[in-house]
Amino acid sequence: MVEIPFIQRVIAVAWPSFLTAGLATILFFVAFDPQDLAALLGKTKSSRMGVYTVGFFLFWLLTLTSCLLTCYFQRPCETKNA
């Protein structure tokens, strides 16, 4: 069995989560105005770009966690001989 290089495994998780986070950010901010969200959180001096950036990275963290968990649980369980 061929060992997959570490960087290829990292990219296999990070790239799909990056793309999904981009799509989630677009869809979320089509429905919600960043200025309204900032005002709701009490951050009245936040720029739209700042809210977009924070939103993107939060979505990326969420989807990265999901991808990592999928890869973790995809591995076969180790069996121990008694």
C-alpha atoms as a PDB file:
ATOM      1  CA  MET A   1       0.000   0.000   0.000  1.00  0.00           C
ATOM      2  CA  VAL A   2       1.386   3.405  -0.995  1.00  0.00           C
ATOM      3  CA  GLU A   3       1.727   6.020   1.762  1.00  0.00           C
ATOM      4  CA  ILE A   4       0.052   9.330   0.849  1.00  0.00           C
ATOM      5  CA  PRO A   5       2.361  12.323   1.480  1.00  0.00           C
ATOM      6  CA  PHE A   6       1.426  14.488   4.467  1.00  0.00           C
ATOM      7  CA  ILE A   7       1.001  17.696   2.422  1.00  0.00           C
ATOM      8  CA  GLN A   8      -1.379  15.895   0.062  1.00  0.00           C
ATOM      9  CA  ARG A   9      -3.481  14.775   3.029  1.00  0.00           C
ATOM     10  CA  VAL A  10      -3.544  18.329   4.405  1.00  0.00           C
ATOM     11  CA  ILE A  11      -4.601  19.793   1.052  1.00  0.00           C
ATOM     12  CA  ALA A  12      -7.235  17.071   0.635  1.00  0.00           C
ATOM     13  CA  VAL A  13      -8.886  18.410   3.808  1.00  0.00           C
ATOM     14  CA  ALA A  14      -8.124  22.139   3.587  1.00  0.00           C
ATOM     15  CA  TRP A  15      -9.078  22.752  -0.057  1.00  0.00           C
ATOM     16  CA  PRO A  16     -12.657  21.367   0.014  1.00  0.00           C
ATOM     17  CA  SER A  17     -13.311  23.135   3.318  1.00  0.00           C
ATOM     18  CA  PHE A  18     -11.989  26.401   1.817  1.00  0.00           C
ATOM     19  CA  LEU A  19     -14.320  26.103  -1.179  1.00  0.00           C
ATOM     20  CA  THR A  20     -17.283  25.198   1.016  1.00  0.00           C
ATOM     21  CA  ALA A  21     -16.556  28.127   3.337  1.00  0.00           C
ATOM     22  CA  GLY A  22     -16.497  30.479   0.358  1.00  0.00           C
ATOM     23  CA  LEU A  23     -19.872  29.238  -0.826  1.00  0.00           C
ATOM     24  CA  ALA A  24     -21.332  29.364   2.694  1.00  0.00           C
ATOM     25  CA  THR A  25     -20.075  32.935   3.135  1.00  0.00           C
ATOM     26  CA  ILE A  26     -21.685  34.034  -0.119  1.00  0.00           C
ATOM     27  CA  LEU A  27     -25.014  32.405   0.692  1.00  0.00           C
ATOM     28  CA  PHE A  28     -25.040  33.660   4.287  1.00  0.00           C
ATOM     29  CA  PHE A  29     -24.261  37.268   3.425  1.00  0.00           C
ATOM     30  CA  VAL A  30     -26.808  37.327   0.609  1.00  0.00           C
ATOM     31  CA  ALA A  31     -29.416  36.828   3.307  1.00  0.00           C
ATOM     32  CA  PHE A  32     -27.869  38.914   6.130  1.00  0.00           C
ATOM     33  CA  ASP A  33     -26.357  42.396   6.030  1.00  0.00           C
ATOM     34  CA  PRO A  34     -22.919  42.571   7.686  1.00  0.00           C
ATOM     35  CA  GLN A  35     -23.635  45.988   9.208  1.00  0.00           C
ATOM     36  CA  ASP A  36     -26.801  44.686  10.861  1.00  0.00           C
ATOM     37  CA  LEU A  37     -24.915  41.701  12.280  1.00  0.00           C
ATOM     38  CA  ALA A  38     -22.139  43.938  13.613  1.00  0.00           C
ATOM     39  CA  ALA A  39     -24.672  46.270  15.227  1.00  0.00           C
ATOM     40  CA  LEU A  40     -26.479  43.286  16.748  1.00  0.00           C
ATOM     41  CA  LEU A  41     -23.201  42.173  18.347  1.00  0.00           C
ATOM     42  CA  GLY A  42     -22.429  45.689  19.578  1.00  0.00           C
ATOM     43  CA  LYS A  43     -19.502  46.244  17.190  1.00  0.00           C
ATOM     44  CA  THR A  44     -20.637  49.530  15.654  1.00  0.00           C
ATOM     45  CA  LYS A  45     -17.209  50.415  14.217  1.00  0.00           C
ATOM     46  CA  SER A  46     -16.810  47.202  12.218  1.00  0.00           C
ATOM     47  CA  SER A  47     -16.444  47.514   8.463  1.00  0.00           C
ATOM     48  CA  ARG A  48     -18.342  45.320   6.032  1.00  0.00           C
ATOM     49  CA  MET A  49     -15.082  43.777   4.839  1.00  0.00           C
ATOM     50  CA  GLY A  50     -14.101  42.956   8.420  1.00  0.00           C
ATOM     51  CA  VAL A  51     -17.397  41.180   9.047  1.00  0.00           C
ATOM     52  CA  TYR A  52     -17.060  39.297   5.744  1.00  0.00           C
ATOM     53  CA  THR A  53     -13.542  38.225   6.736  1.00  0.00           C
ATOM     54  CA  VAL A  54     -14.521  37.035  10.209  1.00  0.00           C
ATOM     55  CA  GLY A  55     -17.542  35.234   8.759  1.00  0.00           C
ATOM     56  CA  PHE A  56     -15.413  33.495   6.129  1.00  0.00           C
ATOM     57  CA  PHE A  57     -12.872  32.282   8.668  1.00  0.00           C
ATOM     58  CA  LEU A  58     -15.607  31.043  11.010  1.00  0.00           C
ATOM     59  CA  PHE A  59     -17.218  29.112   8.151  1.00  0.00           C
ATOM     60  CA  TRP A  60     -13.788  27.780   7.159  1.00  0.00           C
ATOM     61  CA  LEU A  61     -13.131  26.608  10.715  1.00  0.00           C
ATOM     62  CA  LEU A  62     -16.535  24.906  10.832  1.00  0.00           C
ATOM     63  CA  THR A  63     -16.105  23.121   7.497  1.00  0.00           C
ATOM     64  CA  LEU A  64     -12.466  22.239   8.242  1.00  0.00           C
ATOM     65  CA  THR A  65     -13.571  20.594  11.474  1.00  0.00           C
ATOM     66  CA  SER A  66     -16.241  18.673   9.593  1.00  0.00           C
ATOM     67  CA  CYS A  67     -13.734  17.471   6.975  1.00  0.00           C
ATOM     68  CA  LEU A  68     -11.205  16.461   9.631  1.00  0.00           C
ATOM     69  CA  LEU A  69     -13.813  14.482  11.542  1.00  0.00           C
ATOM     70  CA  THR A  70     -14.917  12.755   8.341  1.00  0.00           C
ATOM     71  CA  CYS A  71     -11.324  11.712   7.619  1.00  0.00           C
ATOM     72  CA  TYR A  72     -10.802  10.580  11.199  1.00  0.00           C
ATOM     73  CA  PHE A  73     -13.928   8.431  11.329  1.00  0.00           C
ATOM     74  CA  GLN A  74     -13.280   7.014   7.860  1.00  0.00           C
ATOM     75  CA  ARG A  75     -10.249   5.109   9.106  1.00  0.00           C
ATOM     76  CA  PRO A  76     -10.835   1.482  10.055  1.00  0.00           C
ATOM     77  CA  CYS A  77     -10.934   0.599  13.714  1.00  0.00           C
ATOM     78  CA  GLU A  78      -7.896  -1.163  15.100  1.00  0.00           C
ATOM     79  CA  THR A  79      -8.526  -4.711  16.183  1.00  0.00           C
ATOM     80  CA  LYS A  80      -6.640  -6.233  19.088  1.00  0.00           C
ATOM     81  CA  ASN A  81      -5.887  -9.895  19.265  1.00  0.00           C
ATOM     82  CA  ALA A  82      -6.670 -11.431  22.634  1.00  0.00           C
END
